[in-house]
């Protein structure tokens, strides 16, 4: 398969396909995986906040739908 056909199948330009192929030849299959793989995004919600929200949803705000839950105060200490 040529570069042009591979680029068409991948939906990439021929130039970018050549860059990927060159990196593959130099570094192997690890190049294919995205660089941020297995990392959390900087704006991800921490696990402690998730646990706090789950506790509030189960106890204090039981039966409230998702939309209204996002509008309610989030203080556990109250």
PDB file of N, CA and C in Angstrom:
ATOM      1  N   UNK A   1       0.846  -1.166   0.000  1.00  0.00           N
ATOM      2  CA  UNK A   1       0.000   0.000   0.000  1.00  0.00           C
ATOM      3  C   UNK A   1       0.895   1.233   0.000  1.00  0.00           C
ATOM      4  N   UNK A   2       0.559   2.173  -0.813  1.00  0.00           N
ATOM      5  CA  UNK A   2       1.343   3.396  -0.901  1.00  0.00           C
ATOM      6  C   UNK A   2       0.932   4.421   0.145  1.00  0.00           C
ATOM      7  N   UNK A   3       1.704   5.474   0.237  1.00  0.00           N
ATOM      8  CA  UNK A   3       1.438   6.534   1.205  1.00  0.00           C
ATOM      9  C   UNK A   3       0.113   7.223   0.908  1.00  0.00           C
ATOM     10  N   UNK A   4      -0.157   7.455  -0.361  1.00  0.00           N
ATOM     11  CA  UNK A   4      -1.405   8.121  -0.743  1.00  0.00           C
ATOM     12  C   UNK A   4      -2.624   7.324  -0.330  1.00  0.00           C
ATOM     13  N   UNK A   5      -2.600   6.030  -0.560  1.00  0.00           N
ATOM     14  CA  UNK A   5      -3.732   5.173  -0.204  1.00  0.00           C
ATOM     15  C   UNK A   5      -3.873   5.070   1.324  1.00  0.00           C
ATOM     16  N   UNK A   6      -2.748   4.942   2.020  1.00  0.00           N
ATOM     17  CA  UNK A   6      -2.782   4.875   3.481  1.00  0.00           C
ATOM     18  C   UNK A   6      -3.325   6.175   4.065  1.00  0.00           C
ATOM     19  N   UNK A   7      -2.904   7.295   3.510  1.00  0.00           N
ATOM     20  CA  UNK A   7      -3.385   8.593   3.983  1.00  0.00           C
ATOM     21  C   UNK A   7      -4.893   8.706   3.774  1.00  0.00           C
ATOM     22  N   UNK A   8      -5.383   8.248   2.649  1.00  0.00           N
ATOM     23  CA  UNK A   8      -6.818   8.293   2.365  1.00  0.00           C
ATOM     24  C   UNK A   8      -7.589   7.432   3.369  1.00  0.00           C
ATOM     25  N   UNK A   9      -7.116   6.242   3.634  1.00  0.00           N
ATOM     26  CA  UNK A   9      -7.791   5.332   4.557  1.00  0.00           C
ATOM     27  C   UNK A   9      -7.795   5.897   5.979  1.00  0.00           C
ATOM     28  N   UNK A  10      -6.662   6.491   6.386  1.00  0.00           N
ATOM     29  CA  UNK A  10      -6.556   7.049   7.732  1.00  0.00           C
ATOM     30  C   UNK A  10      -7.233   8.412   7.869  1.00  0.00           C
ATOM     31  N   UNK A  11      -7.538   9.036   6.745  1.00  0.00           N
ATOM     32  CA  UNK A  11      -8.134  10.362   6.782  1.00  0.00           C
ATOM     33  C   UNK A  11      -7.114  11.437   7.143  1.00  0.00           C
ATOM     34  N   UNK A  12      -5.850  11.219   6.762  1.00  0.00           N
ATOM     35  CA  UNK A  12      -4.774  12.151   7.059  1.00  0.00           C
ATOM     36  C   UNK A  12      -4.157  12.650   5.765  1.00  0.00           C
ATOM     37  N   UNK A  13      -3.348  13.682   5.876  1.00  0.00           N
ATOM     38  CA  UNK A  13      -2.621  14.147   4.693  1.00  0.00           C
ATOM     39  C   UNK A  13      -1.458  13.185   4.420  1.00  0.00           C
ATOM     40  N   UNK A  14      -0.959  13.228   3.202  1.00  0.00           N
ATOM     41  CA  UNK A  14       0.179  12.378   2.854  1.00  0.00           C
ATOM     42  C   UNK A  14       1.405  12.769   3.662  1.00  0.00           C
ATOM     43  N   UNK A  15       1.581  14.067   3.904  1.00  0.00           N
ATOM     44  CA  UNK A  15       2.737  14.542   4.659  1.00  0.00           C
ATOM     45  C   UNK A  15       2.700  14.002   6.097  1.00  0.00           C
ATOM     46  N   UNK A  16       1.524  14.087   6.719  1.00  0.00           N
ATOM     47  CA  UNK A  16       1.403  13.596   8.093  1.00  0.00           C
ATOM     48  C   UNK A  16       1.575  12.077   8.143  1.00  0.00           C
ATOM     49  N   UNK A  17       1.061  11.385   7.151  1.00  0.00           N
ATOM     50  CA  UNK A  17       1.216   9.931   7.080  1.00  0.00           C
ATOM     51  C   UNK A  17       2.695   9.569   6.962  1.00  0.00           C
ATOM     52  N   UNK A  18       3.455  10.328   6.188  1.00  0.00           N
ATOM     53  CA  UNK A  18       4.903  10.083   6.086  1.00  0.00           C
ATOM     54  C   UNK A  18       5.585  10.300   7.423  1.00  0.00           C
ATOM     55  N   UNK A  19       5.186  11.349   8.173  1.00  0.00           N
ATOM     56  CA  UNK A  19       5.774  11.595   9.487  1.00  0.00           C
ATOM     57  C   UNK A  19       5.490  10.438  10.436  1.00  0.00           C
ATOM     58  N   UNK A  20       4.262   9.940  10.416  1.00  0.00           N
ATOM     59  CA  UNK A  20       3.895   8.809  11.281  1.00  0.00           C
ATOM     60  C   UNK A  20       4.706   7.572  10.897  1.00  0.00           C
ATOM     61  N   UNK A  21       4.836   7.310   9.603  1.00  0.00           N
ATOM     62  CA  UNK A  21       5.590   6.145   9.154  1.00  0.00           C
ATOM     63  C   UNK A  21       7.064   6.249   9.540  1.00  0.00           C
ATOM     64  N   UNK A  22       7.645   7.448   9.426  1.00  0.00           N
ATOM     65  CA  UNK A  22       9.049   7.638   9.798  1.00  0.00           C
ATOM     66  C   UNK A  22       9.247   7.414  11.297  1.00  0.00           C
ATOM     67  N   UNK A  23       8.328   7.931  12.112  1.00  0.00           N
ATOM     68  CA  UNK A  23       8.419   7.735  13.558  1.00  0.00           C
ATOM     69  C   UNK A  23       8.229   6.260  13.910  1.00  0.00           C
ATOM     70  N   UNK A  24       7.341   5.583  13.199  1.00  0.00           N
ATOM     71  CA  UNK A  24       7.110   4.149  13.424  1.00  0.00           C
ATOM     72  C   UNK A  24       8.380   3.354  13.118  1.00  0.00           C
ATOM     73  N   UNK A  25       9.023   3.701  12.035  1.00  0.00           N
ATOM     74  CA  UNK A  25      10.267   2.992  11.677  1.00  0.00           C
ATOM     75  C   UNK A  25      11.364   3.231  12.716  1.00  0.00           C
ATOM     76  N   UNK A  26      11.415   4.433  13.281  1.00  0.00           N
ATOM     77  CA  UNK A  26      12.471   4.787  14.218  1.00  0.00           C
ATOM     78  C   UNK A  26      12.194   4.277  15.630  1.00  0.00           C
ATOM     79  N   UNK A  27      10.922   4.418  16.107  1.00  0.00           N
ATOM     80  CA  UNK A  27      10.609   4.116  17.509  1.00  0.00           C
ATOM     81  C   UNK A  27       9.703   2.911  17.723  1.00  0.00           C
ATOM     82  N   UNK A  28       9.091   2.409  16.667  1.00  0.00           N
ATOM     83  CA  UNK A  28       8.231   1.239  16.805  1.00  0.00           C
ATOM     84  C   UNK A  28       6.766   1.605  17.034  1.00  0.00           C
ATOM     85  N   UNK A  29       6.002   0.601  17.452  1.00  0.00           N
ATOM     86  CA  UNK A  29       4.551   0.740  17.557  1.00  0.00           C
ATOM     87  C   UNK A  29       4.107   1.697  18.660  1.00  0.00           C
ATOM     88  N   UNK A  30       4.980   2.025  19.613  1.00  0.00           N
ATOM     89  CA  UNK A  30       4.615   2.938  20.702  1.00  0.00           C
ATOM     90  C   UNK A  30       4.252   4.322  20.177  1.00  0.00           C
ATOM     91  N   UNK A  31       4.697   4.680  18.997  1.00  0.00           N
ATOM     92  CA  UNK A  31       4.414   5.986  18.404  1.00  0.00           C
ATOM     93  C   UNK A  31       2.928   6.135  18.102  1.00  0.00           C
ATOM     94  N   UNK A  32       2.269   5.036  17.832  1.00  0.00           N
ATOM     95  CA  UNK A  32       0.859   5.076  17.446  1.00  0.00           C
ATOM     96  C   UNK A  32      -0.018   5.556  18.601  1.00  0.00           C
ATOM     97  N   UNK A  33       0.326   5.197  19.838  1.00  0.00           N
ATOM     98  CA  UNK A  33      -0.472   5.585  21.006  1.00  0.00           C
ATOM     99  C   UNK A  33      -0.306   7.078  21.269  1.00  0.00           C
ATOM    100  N   UNK A  34      -1.371   7.703  21.718  1.00  0.00           N
ATOM    101  CA  UNK A  34      -1.359   9.133  22.016  1.00  0.00           C
ATOM    102  C   UNK A  34      -0.437   9.419  23.205  1.00  0.00           C
ATOM    103  N   UNK A  35       0.222  10.541  23.199  1.00  0.00           N
ATOM    104  CA  UNK A  35       1.175  10.902  24.238  1.00  0.00           C
ATOM    105  C   UNK A  35       0.552  11.093  25.618  1.00  0.00           C
ATOM    106  N   UNK A  36      -0.715  11.459  25.687  1.00  0.00           N
ATOM    107  CA  UNK A  36      -1.386  11.667  26.970  1.00  0.00           C
ATOM    108  C   UNK A  36      -2.135  10.434  27.458  1.00  0.00           C
ATOM    109  N   UNK A  37      -1.878   9.320  26.860  1.00  0.00           N
ATOM    110  CA  UNK A  37      -2.557   8.086  27.234  1.00  0.00           C
ATOM    111  C   UNK A  37      -2.295   7.745  28.702  1.00  0.00           C
ATOM    112  N   UNK A  38      -3.319   7.313  29.415  1.00  0.00           N
ATOM    113  CA  UNK A  38      -3.275   6.937  30.832  1.00  0.00           C
ATOM    114  C   UNK A  38      -2.981   8.109  31.771  1.00  0.00           C
ATOM    115  N   UNK A  39      -3.207   9.324  31.326  1.00  0.00           N
ATOM    116  CA  UNK A  39      -3.052  10.498  32.182  1.00  0.00           C
ATOM    117  C   UNK A  39      -4.415  11.152  32.362  1.00  0.00           C
ATOM    118  N   UNK A  40      -4.628  11.729  33.533  1.00  0.00           N
ATOM    119  CA  UNK A  40      -5.861  12.470  33.778  1.00  0.00           C
ATOM    120  C   UNK A  40      -5.728  13.885  33.227  1.00  0.00           C
ATOM    121  N   UNK A  41      -6.804  14.433  32.693  1.00  0.00           N
ATOM    122  CA  UNK A  41      -6.735  15.818  32.244  1.00  0.00           C
ATOM    123  C   UNK A  41      -6.624  16.758  33.445  1.00  0.00           C
ATOM    124  N   UNK A  42      -6.058  17.938  33.259  1.00  0.00           N
ATOM    125  CA  UNK A  42      -5.869  18.850  34.390  1.00  0.00           C
ATOM    126  C   UNK A  42      -7.177  19.326  35.017  1.00  0.00           C
ATOM    127  N   UNK A  43      -8.262  19.285  34.264  1.00  0.00           N
ATOM    128  CA  UNK A  43      -9.540  19.741  34.807  1.00  0.00           C
ATOM    129  C   UNK A  43     -10.405  18.584  35.315  1.00  0.00           C
ATOM    130  N   UNK A  44      -9.825  17.416  35.512  1.00  0.00           N
ATOM    131  CA  UNK A  44     -10.581  16.258  35.997  1.00  0.00           C
ATOM    132  C   UNK A  44     -10.980  16.467  37.458  1.00  0.00           C
ATOM    133  N   UNK A  45     -12.136  15.959  37.821  1.00  0.00           N
ATOM    134  CA  UNK A  45     -12.620  16.043  39.190  1.00  0.00           C
ATOM    135  C   UNK A  45     -11.863  15.033  40.044  1.00  0.00           C
ATOM    136  N   UNK A  46     -11.385  15.480  41.197  1.00  0.00           N
ATOM    137  CA  UNK A  46     -10.598  14.590  42.059  1.00  0.00           C
ATOM    138  C   UNK A  46     -11.490  13.503  42.655  1.00  0.00           C
ATOM    139  N   UNK A  47     -10.882  12.407  43.054  1.00  0.00           N
ATOM    140  CA  UNK A  47     -11.644  11.278  43.595  1.00  0.00           C
ATOM    141  C   UNK A  47     -12.298  11.641  44.923  1.00  0.00           C
ATOM    142  N   UNK A  48     -11.688  12.535  45.705  1.00  0.00           N
ATOM    143  CA  UNK A  48     -12.303  12.927  46.977  1.00  0.00           C
ATOM    144  C   UNK A  48     -13.577  13.740  46.749  1.00  0.00           C
ATOM    145  N   UNK A  49     -13.572  14.594  45.739  1.00  0.00           N
ATOM    146  CA  UNK A  49     -14.777  15.376  45.415  1.00  0.00           C
ATOM    147  C   UNK A  49     -15.857  14.450  44.871  1.00  0.00           C
ATOM    148  N   UNK A  50     -15.471  13.483  44.049  1.00  0.00           N
ATOM    149  CA  UNK A  50     -16.448  12.517  43.533  1.00  0.00           C
ATOM    150  C   UNK A  50     -17.088  11.737  44.667  1.00  0.00           C
ATOM    151  N   UNK A  51     -16.278  11.294  45.629  1.00  0.00           N
ATOM    152  CA  UNK A  51     -16.802  10.543  46.772  1.00  0.00           C
ATOM    153  C   UNK A  51     -17.742  11.403  47.599  1.00  0.00           C
ATOM    154  N   UNK A  52     -17.393  12.663  47.786  1.00  0.00           N
ATOM    155  CA  UNK A  52     -18.248  13.589  48.530  1.00  0.00           C
ATOM    156  C   UNK A  52     -19.585  13.776  47.812  1.00  0.00           C
ATOM    157  N   UNK A  53     -19.552  13.961  46.508  1.00  0.00           N
ATOM    158  CA  UNK A  53     -20.785  14.120  45.735  1.00  0.00           C
ATOM    159  C   UNK A  53     -21.648  12.865  45.791  1.00  0.00           C
ATOM    160  N   UNK A  54     -21.014  11.701  45.714  1.00  0.00           N
ATOM    161  CA  UNK A  54     -21.778  10.450  45.781  1.00  0.00           C
ATOM    162  C   UNK A  54     -22.454  10.309  47.142  1.00  0.00           C
ATOM    163  N   UNK A  55     -21.755  10.683  48.216  1.00  0.00           N
ATOM    164  CA  UNK A  55     -22.335  10.617  49.555  1.00  0.00           C
ATOM    165  C   UNK A  55     -23.526  11.555  49.669  1.00  0.00           C
ATOM    166  N   UNK A  56     -23.395  12.763  49.140  1.00  0.00           N
ATOM    167  CA  UNK A  56     -24.515  13.714  49.171  1.00  0.00           C
ATOM    168  C   UNK A  56     -25.703  13.196  48.365  1.00  0.00           C
ATOM    169  N   UNK A  57     -25.428  12.614  47.199  1.00  0.00           N
ATOM    170  CA  UNK A  57     -26.507  12.112  46.342  1.00  0.00           C
ATOM    171  C   UNK A  57     -27.240  10.951  47.005  1.00  0.00           C
ATOM    172  N   UNK A  58     -26.536  10.115  47.754  1.00  0.00           N
ATOM    173  CA  UNK A  58     -27.157   8.956  48.398  1.00  0.00           C
ATOM    174  C   UNK A  58     -27.910   9.331  49.670  1.00  0.00           C
ATOM    175  N   UNK A  59     -27.406  10.321  50.398  1.00  0.00           N
ATOM    176  CA  UNK A  59     -27.967  10.634  51.715  1.00  0.00           C
ATOM    177  C   UNK A  59     -28.850  11.873  51.683  1.00  0.00           C
ATOM    178  N   UNK A  60     -28.238  13.012  51.632  1.00  0.00           N
ATOM    179  CA  UNK A  60     -28.948  14.269  51.794  1.00  0.00           C
ATOM    180  C   UNK A  60     -29.894  14.589  50.635  1.00  0.00           C
ATOM    181  N   UNK A  61     -29.456  14.355  49.409  1.00  0.00           N
ATOM    182  CA  UNK A  61     -30.240  14.716  48.229  1.00  0.00           C
ATOM    183  C   UNK A  61     -30.779  13.488  47.501  1.00  0.00           C
ATOM    184  N   UNK A  62     -31.147  12.481  48.234  1.00  0.00           N
ATOM    185  CA  UNK A  62     -31.672  11.250  47.628  1.00  0.00           C
ATOM    186  C   UNK A  62     -32.965  11.562  46.878  1.00  0.00           C
ATOM    187  N   UNK A  63     -33.074  11.063  45.667  1.00  0.00           N
ATOM    188  CA  UNK A  63     -34.274  11.244  44.863  1.00  0.00           C
ATOM    189  C   UNK A  63     -34.252  12.484  43.984  1.00  0.00           C
ATOM    190  N   UNK A  64     -33.224  13.313  44.084  1.00  0.00           N
ATOM    191  CA  UNK A  64     -33.117  14.517  43.263  1.00  0.00           C
ATOM    192  C   UNK A  64     -32.510  14.134  41.920  1.00  0.00           C
ATOM    193  N   UNK A  65     -33.040  14.711  40.825  1.00  0.00           N
ATOM    194  CA  UNK A  65     -32.494  14.364  39.510  1.00  0.00           C
ATOM    195  C   UNK A  65     -31.139  15.040  39.281  1.00  0.00           C
ATOM    196  N   UNK A  66     -30.433  14.610  38.260  1.00  0.00           N
ATOM    197  CA  UNK A  66     -29.070  15.074  38.000  1.00  0.00           C
ATOM    198  C   UNK A  66     -28.991  16.582  37.785  1.00  0.00           C
ATOM    199  N   UNK A  67     -29.942  17.139  37.045  1.00  0.00           N
ATOM    200  CA  UNK A  67     -29.910  18.564  36.760  1.00  0.00           C
ATOM    201  C   UNK A  67     -30.054  19.380  38.034  1.00  0.00           C
ATOM    202  N   UNK A  68     -31.018  19.030  38.859  1.00  0.00           N
ATOM    203  CA  UNK A  68     -31.212  19.777  40.100  1.00  0.00           C
ATOM    204  C   UNK A  68     -30.060  19.546  41.079  1.00  0.00           C
ATOM    205  N   UNK A  69     -29.487  18.354  41.066  1.00  0.00           N
ATOM    206  CA  UNK A  69     -28.374  18.053  41.961  1.00  0.00           C
ATOM    207  C   UNK A  69     -27.191  18.982  41.708  1.00  0.00           C
ATOM    208  N   UNK A  70     -26.930  19.308  40.446  1.00  0.00           N
ATOM    209  CA  UNK A  70     -25.808  20.190  40.120  1.00  0.00           C
ATOM    210  C   UNK A  70     -26.040  21.608  40.613  1.00  0.00           C
ATOM    211  N   UNK A  71     -27.292  21.979  40.879  1.00  0.00           N
ATOM    212  CA  UNK A  71     -27.610  23.334  41.321  1.00  0.00           C
ATOM    213  C   UNK A  71     -27.678  23.461  42.841  1.00  0.00           C
ATOM    214  N   UNK A  72     -27.607  22.353  43.563  1.00  0.00           N
ATOM    215  CA  UNK A  72     -27.735  22.372  45.018  1.00  0.00           C
ATOM    216  C   UNK A  72     -26.396  22.670  45.690  1.00  0.00           C
ATOM    217  N   UNK A  73     -26.439  23.196  46.925  1.00  0.00           N
ATOM    218  CA  UNK A  73     -25.182  23.443  47.649  1.00  0.00           C
ATOM    219  C   UNK A  73     -24.463  22.132  47.922  1.00  0.00           C
ATOM    220  N   UNK A  74     -23.111  22.156  47.916  1.00  0.00           N
ATOM    221  CA  UNK A  74     -22.317  20.952  48.022  1.00  0.00           C
ATOM    222  C   UNK A  74     -21.655  20.755  49.398  1.00  0.00           C
ATOM    223  N   UNK A  75     -22.102  21.433  50.428  1.00  0.00           N
ATOM    224  CA  UNK A  75     -21.444  21.337  51.716  1.00  0.00           C
ATOM    225  C   UNK A  75     -21.904  20.112  52.485  1.00  0.00           C
ATOM    226  N   UNK A  76     -20.964  19.245  52.857  1.00  0.00           N
ATOM    227  CA  UNK A  76     -21.272  18.051  53.648  1.00  0.00           C
ATOM    228  C   UNK A  76     -21.383  18.402  55.119  1.00  0.00           C
ATOM    229  N   UNK A  77     -20.681  19.428  55.538  1.00  0.00           N
ATOM    230  CA  UNK A  77     -20.619  19.771  56.960  1.00  0.00           C
ATOM    231  C   UNK A  77     -21.900  20.376  57.502  1.00  0.00           C
ATOM    232  N   UNK A  78     -22.817  20.796  56.648  1.00  0.00           N
ATOM    233  CA  UNK A  78     -24.065  21.420  57.100  1.00  0.00           C
ATOM    234  C   UNK A  78     -24.988  20.438  57.779  1.00  0.00           C
TER     235      UNK A  78
END
